[in-house]
């Protein structure tokens, strides 16, 4: 007897499926290890792994300089994420509004920000606004465009979570006499957040990566400081490897923090 489609898509995998998954995972891991070894070997042949390119990492000043850039990255990313989460919620409320005078402008803003590259928004803050008499610091020239660009995506992520909440939850809340604002803030949105935590984490990771556009406005973030080290010590591969490891650590910390926040409270 054939299994229902819902059971096939969302049910627990069969023993055979689990075995196939393990084999594929092992094969993929082995392939990645071979590729990584090949890349390292090519770097070795090119002399990029020589000790002279790594010596300056033994100096405290090098790590102090990288730490300063990392703090700049985290400061910009944290504020951009806050802007995205708050302004994204405002855009969501506007998009879900019954009044067309509120809904259509919100949709227009969302589509405009989603369709405009973040780098172009940074250039607007860097080149266009100063010519109009609006001067921003390099911090805001980087942070504000990233926050606004991400807010449009976050608004759509919010909306997906809201639409995923069962309709019966809304009807039950209304039957208790709650207002539309109370239904949204007390019943719908808290449940929607449970569905969208992975998507929000993905957007926060993208925010961290987008801070690498700091070179446009010469903001002192991690990649900008890494380029200074490369220019001074001509150590391209080692610097980029270390910086990549730092970005991975930051994104891993974001992922672990989201898992902790997503755990149910007992």
Protein backbone atom coordinates (compact mmCIF):
# COMPACT_ATOMS: atom_id res chain seq x y z
CA UNK A 1 0.00 0.00 0.00
CA UNK A 2 1.42 3.40 -1.00
CA UNK A 3 2.29 5.90 1.69
CA UNK A 4 0.42 9.24 1.85
CA UNK A 5 2.25 12.20 0.35
CA UNK A 6 2.34 14.03 3.69
CA UNK A 7 4.03 11.04 5.34
CA UNK A 8 6.60 10.83 2.55
CA UNK A 9 7.45 14.53 2.75
CA UNK A 10 7.32 15.14 6.49
CA UNK A 11 7.43 11.73 8.16
CA UNK A 12 10.49 10.15 9.75
CA UNK A 13 12.91 8.65 7.20
CA UNK A 14 12.95 4.90 6.76
CA UNK A 15 16.02 2.81 7.75
CA UNK A 16 16.99 2.57 4.09
CA UNK A 17 16.72 6.34 3.66
CA UNK A 18 18.86 6.90 6.76
CA UNK A 19 21.50 4.51 5.43
CA UNK A 20 21.56 6.28 2.06
CA UNK A 21 21.84 9.62 3.83
CA UNK A 22 24.83 8.41 5.86
CA UNK A 23 26.61 7.10 2.76
CA UNK A 24 26.02 10.31 0.84
CA UNK A 25 27.16 12.41 3.82
CA UNK A 26 30.38 10.43 4.21
CA UNK A 27 31.07 10.64 0.47
CA UNK A 28 30.45 14.39 0.44
CA UNK A 29 32.70 14.90 3.46
CA UNK A 30 35.46 12.85 1.86
CA UNK A 31 35.17 14.86 -1.36
CA UNK A 32 35.39 18.13 0.57
CA UNK A 33 38.48 16.91 2.43
CA UNK A 34 40.14 15.96 -0.86
CA UNK A 35 39.35 19.36 -2.36
CA UNK A 36 40.65 21.14 0.76
CA UNK A 37 43.86 19.10 0.65
CA UNK A 38 44.29 19.95 -3.04
CA UNK A 39 43.84 23.67 -2.33
CA UNK A 40 46.33 23.58 0.55
CA UNK A 41 48.83 21.73 -1.64
CA UNK A 42 48.51 24.35 -4.37
CA UNK A 43 49.10 27.09 -1.80
CA UNK A 44 52.18 25.20 -0.60
CA UNK A 45 53.56 24.95 -4.14
CA UNK A 46 52.99 28.68 -4.62
CA UNK A 47 54.93 29.43 -1.41
CA UNK A 48 51.96 31.10 0.26
CA UNK A 49 52.28 28.87 3.34
CA UNK A 50 55.92 29.72 4.03
CA UNK A 51 56.74 30.70 7.60
CA UNK A 52 57.70 34.24 6.58
CA UNK A 53 54.06 34.91 5.67
CA UNK A 54 52.87 33.79 9.11
CA UNK A 55 55.50 35.31 11.42
CA UNK A 56 53.63 38.55 12.06
CA UNK A 57 50.70 36.59 13.54
CA UNK A 58 52.94 35.99 16.55
CA UNK A 59 52.88 39.72 17.31
CA UNK A 60 50.22 40.98 19.75
CA UNK A 61 49.81 44.13 17.66
CA UNK A 62 48.54 42.05 14.73
CA UNK A 63 45.77 40.48 16.78
CA UNK A 64 44.95 43.82 18.39
CA UNK A 65 44.52 45.31 14.93
CA UNK A 66 42.33 42.40 13.79
CA UNK A 67 40.31 42.59 17.02
CA UNK A 68 39.67 46.27 16.41
CA UNK A 69 38.38 45.45 12.94
CA UNK A 70 36.23 42.63 14.34
CA UNK A 71 34.69 45.00 16.87
CA UNK A 72 33.93 47.41 14.04
CA UNK A 73 32.24 44.59 12.13
CA UNK A 74 30.18 43.52 15.14
CA UNK A 75 29.16 47.11 15.96
CA UNK A 76 27.93 47.73 12.43
CA UNK A 77 26.26 44.33 12.11
CA UNK A 78 24.47 44.62 15.46
CA UNK A 79 23.00 48.03 14.67
CA UNK A 80 22.08 46.98 11.13
CA UNK A 81 20.34 43.89 12.52
CA UNK A 82 18.41 46.02 15.02
CA UNK A 83 17.32 48.39 12.25
CA UNK A 84 16.28 45.44 10.08
CA UNK A 85 14.27 43.71 12.82
CA UNK A 86 12.43 46.87 13.91
CA UNK A 87 11.87 48.47 10.51
CA UNK A 88 10.98 45.06 9.05
CA UNK A 89 8.22 44.77 11.65
CA UNK A 90 6.95 48.25 10.72
CA UNK A 91 6.88 47.26 7.05
CA UNK A 92 5.07 44.03 7.91
CA UNK A 93 2.36 45.86 9.84
CA UNK A 94 1.98 48.29 6.94
CA UNK A 95 1.76 45.49 4.40
CA UNK A 96 -0.91 43.67 6.40
CA UNK A 97 -2.94 46.84 6.99
CA UNK A 98 -6.45 46.92 5.56
CA UNK A 99 -6.12 50.50 4.33
CA UNK A 100 -4.67 50.75 0.83
CA UNK A 101 -3.12 54.11 1.74
CA UNK A 102 -0.91 52.25 4.19
CA UNK A 103 -0.58 48.87 2.48
CA UNK A 104 0.51 49.96 -1.02
CA UNK A 105 3.28 52.37 0.12
CA UNK A 106 4.60 49.62 2.41
CA UNK A 107 4.65 47.14 -0.48
CA UNK A 108 6.41 49.71 -2.68
CA UNK A 109 9.11 50.30 -0.05
CA UNK A 110 9.63 46.57 0.44
CA UNK A 111 9.94 45.87 -3.28
CA UNK A 112 12.24 48.86 -3.82
CA UNK A 113 14.62 47.89 -1.03
CA UNK A 114 14.57 44.22 -2.02
CA UNK A 115 15.33 45.05 -5.64
CA UNK A 116 18.10 47.56 -4.95
CA UNK A 117 21.60 46.16 -4.30
CA UNK A 118 23.02 46.98 -0.89
CA UNK A 119 26.18 48.31 -2.50
CA UNK A 120 24.14 50.84 -4.50
CA UNK A 121 22.46 52.07 -1.30
CA UNK A 122 25.90 52.49 0.26
CA UNK A 123 27.02 54.58 -2.71
CA UNK A 124 23.89 56.72 -2.29
CA UNK A 125 24.85 57.43 1.33
CA UNK A 126 28.49 57.95 0.37
CA UNK A 127 28.12 60.12 -2.75
CA UNK A 128 24.56 61.37 -3.17
CA UNK A 129 23.56 62.42 0.35
CA UNK A 130 26.69 64.60 0.96
CA UNK A 131 25.94 66.51 -2.24
CA UNK A 132 22.48 67.21 -0.79
CA UNK A 133 23.98 68.52 2.44
CA UNK A 134 23.38 65.34 4.46
CA UNK A 135 26.65 64.13 5.96
CA UNK A 136 26.88 60.77 7.68
CA UNK A 137 29.79 59.15 9.46
CA UNK A 138 31.43 56.15 7.80
CA UNK A 139 29.71 53.97 10.40
CA UNK A 140 26.24 55.07 9.28
CA UNK A 141 27.20 55.10 5.59
CA UNK A 142 27.70 51.36 5.97
CA UNK A 143 25.22 50.42 8.68
CA UNK A 144 22.12 52.27 7.50
CA UNK A 145 22.04 50.83 3.93
CA UNK A 146 22.63 47.31 5.23
CA UNK A 147 19.88 47.70 7.82
CA UNK A 148 17.35 49.09 5.32
CA UNK A 149 18.14 46.50 2.67
CA UNK A 150 17.82 43.66 5.17
CA UNK A 151 14.61 45.12 6.65
CA UNK A 152 12.75 44.49 3.39
CA UNK A 153 13.76 40.84 3.40
CA UNK A 154 12.99 40.49 7.10
CA UNK A 155 9.50 41.95 6.49
CA UNK A 156 8.82 39.16 4.01
CA UNK A 157 10.22 36.59 6.44
CA UNK A 158 7.88 37.95 9.12
CA UNK A 159 4.96 37.74 6.70
CA UNK A 160 5.74 34.12 5.89
CA UNK A 161 5.70 33.31 9.60
CA UNK A 162 2.40 35.13 10.13
CA UNK A 163 0.78 33.26 7.23
CA UNK A 164 2.05 29.98 8.69
CA UNK A 165 0.08 30.48 11.92
CA UNK A 166 -3.14 28.41 11.74
CA UNK A 167 -6.22 30.48 10.98
CA UNK A 168 -8.00 28.95 13.95
CA UNK A 169 -5.63 30.75 16.33
CA UNK A 170 -6.76 34.10 14.97
CA UNK A 171 -10.45 33.17 15.05
CA UNK A 172 -10.17 31.91 18.62
CA UNK A 173 -8.48 35.11 19.76
CA UNK A 174 -11.15 37.25 18.11
CA UNK A 175 -13.88 35.19 19.73
CA UNK A 176 -12.39 36.10 23.11
CA UNK A 177 -12.94 39.77 22.31
CA UNK A 178 -9.35 40.75 21.56
CA UNK A 179 -8.75 43.67 19.24
CA UNK A 180 -6.88 43.22 15.94
CA UNK A 181 -3.78 44.76 17.49
CA UNK A 182 -3.97 42.38 20.45
CA UNK A 183 -4.56 39.39 18.18
CA UNK A 184 -1.44 40.23 16.21
CA UNK A 185 0.87 41.17 19.10
CA UNK A 186 -0.24 38.58 21.65
CA UNK A 187 -1.31 35.56 19.59
CA UNK A 188 -0.12 35.63 15.98
CA UNK A 189 3.31 37.26 15.98
CA UNK A 190 4.82 35.33 18.93
CA UNK A 191 3.85 32.07 17.22
CA UNK A 192 5.14 33.31 13.87
CA UNK A 193 8.57 33.94 15.39
CA UNK A 194 8.88 30.23 16.22
CA UNK A 195 8.56 29.37 12.54
CA UNK A 196 11.01 31.92 11.20
CA UNK A 197 13.98 31.66 13.58
CA UNK A 198 16.14 29.78 11.02
CA UNK A 199 15.35 32.33 8.30
CA UNK A 200 16.12 35.24 10.64
CA UNK A 201 19.44 33.65 11.59
CA UNK A 202 20.29 33.33 7.90
CA UNK A 203 19.59 37.04 7.45
CA UNK A 204 21.77 37.95 10.44
CA UNK A 205 24.62 35.96 8.90
CA UNK A 206 24.13 37.87 5.64
CA UNK A 207 24.25 41.14 7.60
CA UNK A 208 27.64 40.18 9.02
CA UNK A 209 28.89 39.35 5.53
CA UNK A 210 27.53 42.61 4.09
CA UNK A 211 29.72 44.60 6.45
CA UNK A 212 32.61 43.67 4.15
CA UNK A 213 31.35 46.52 1.95
CA UNK A 214 33.03 48.80 4.49
CA UNK A 215 35.94 49.25 2.09
CA UNK A 216 33.72 51.55 -0.01
CA UNK A 217 33.50 54.14 2.77
CA UNK A 218 36.84 53.17 4.42
CA UNK A 219 35.07 52.04 7.57
CA UNK A 220 37.41 50.13 9.90
CA UNK A 221 35.82 46.69 9.82
CA UNK A 222 37.52 43.30 9.72
CA UNK A 223 38.05 43.01 5.96
CA UNK A 224 39.31 46.58 5.73
CA UNK A 225 41.91 45.90 8.41
CA UNK A 226 42.81 42.62 6.71
CA UNK A 227 43.60 44.50 3.50
CA UNK A 228 45.89 46.81 5.47
CA UNK A 229 47.78 43.77 6.78
CA UNK A 230 48.04 42.32 3.28
CA UNK A 231 49.39 45.61 1.92
CA UNK A 232 52.00 45.83 4.68
CA UNK A 233 53.16 42.22 4.85
CA UNK A 234 52.25 40.88 1.37
CA UNK A 235 50.64 37.88 3.06
CA UNK A 236 47.51 37.31 1.00
CA UNK A 237 46.49 33.71 1.71
CA UNK A 238 47.36 33.52 5.44
CA UNK A 239 45.50 36.75 6.24
CA UNK A 240 42.41 35.70 4.33
CA UNK A 241 42.47 32.26 5.97
CA UNK A 242 42.60 33.80 9.43
CA UNK A 243 39.89 36.32 8.62
CA UNK A 244 37.69 33.59 7.15
CA UNK A 245 38.09 31.60 10.38
CA UNK A 246 37.04 34.67 12.41
CA UNK A 247 33.92 35.15 10.27
CA UNK A 248 33.07 31.46 10.68
CA UNK A 249 33.40 31.79 14.47
CA UNK A 250 31.10 34.81 14.53
CA UNK A 251 28.46 33.12 12.37
CA UNK A 252 28.72 29.94 14.46
CA UNK A 253 28.15 32.00 17.61
CA UNK A 254 25.06 33.56 16.01
CA UNK A 255 23.73 30.11 15.13
CA UNK A 256 24.30 28.74 18.64
CA UNK A 257 22.71 31.81 20.23
CA UNK A 258 19.63 31.40 18.02
CA UNK A 259 19.33 27.75 19.08
CA UNK A 260 19.41 28.78 22.71
CA UNK A 261 16.77 31.45 22.14
CA UNK A 262 14.63 29.00 20.23
CA UNK A 263 14.47 26.47 23.06
CA UNK A 264 11.11 26.30 24.81
CA UNK A 265 10.99 27.78 28.30
CA UNK A 266 10.00 25.25 30.96
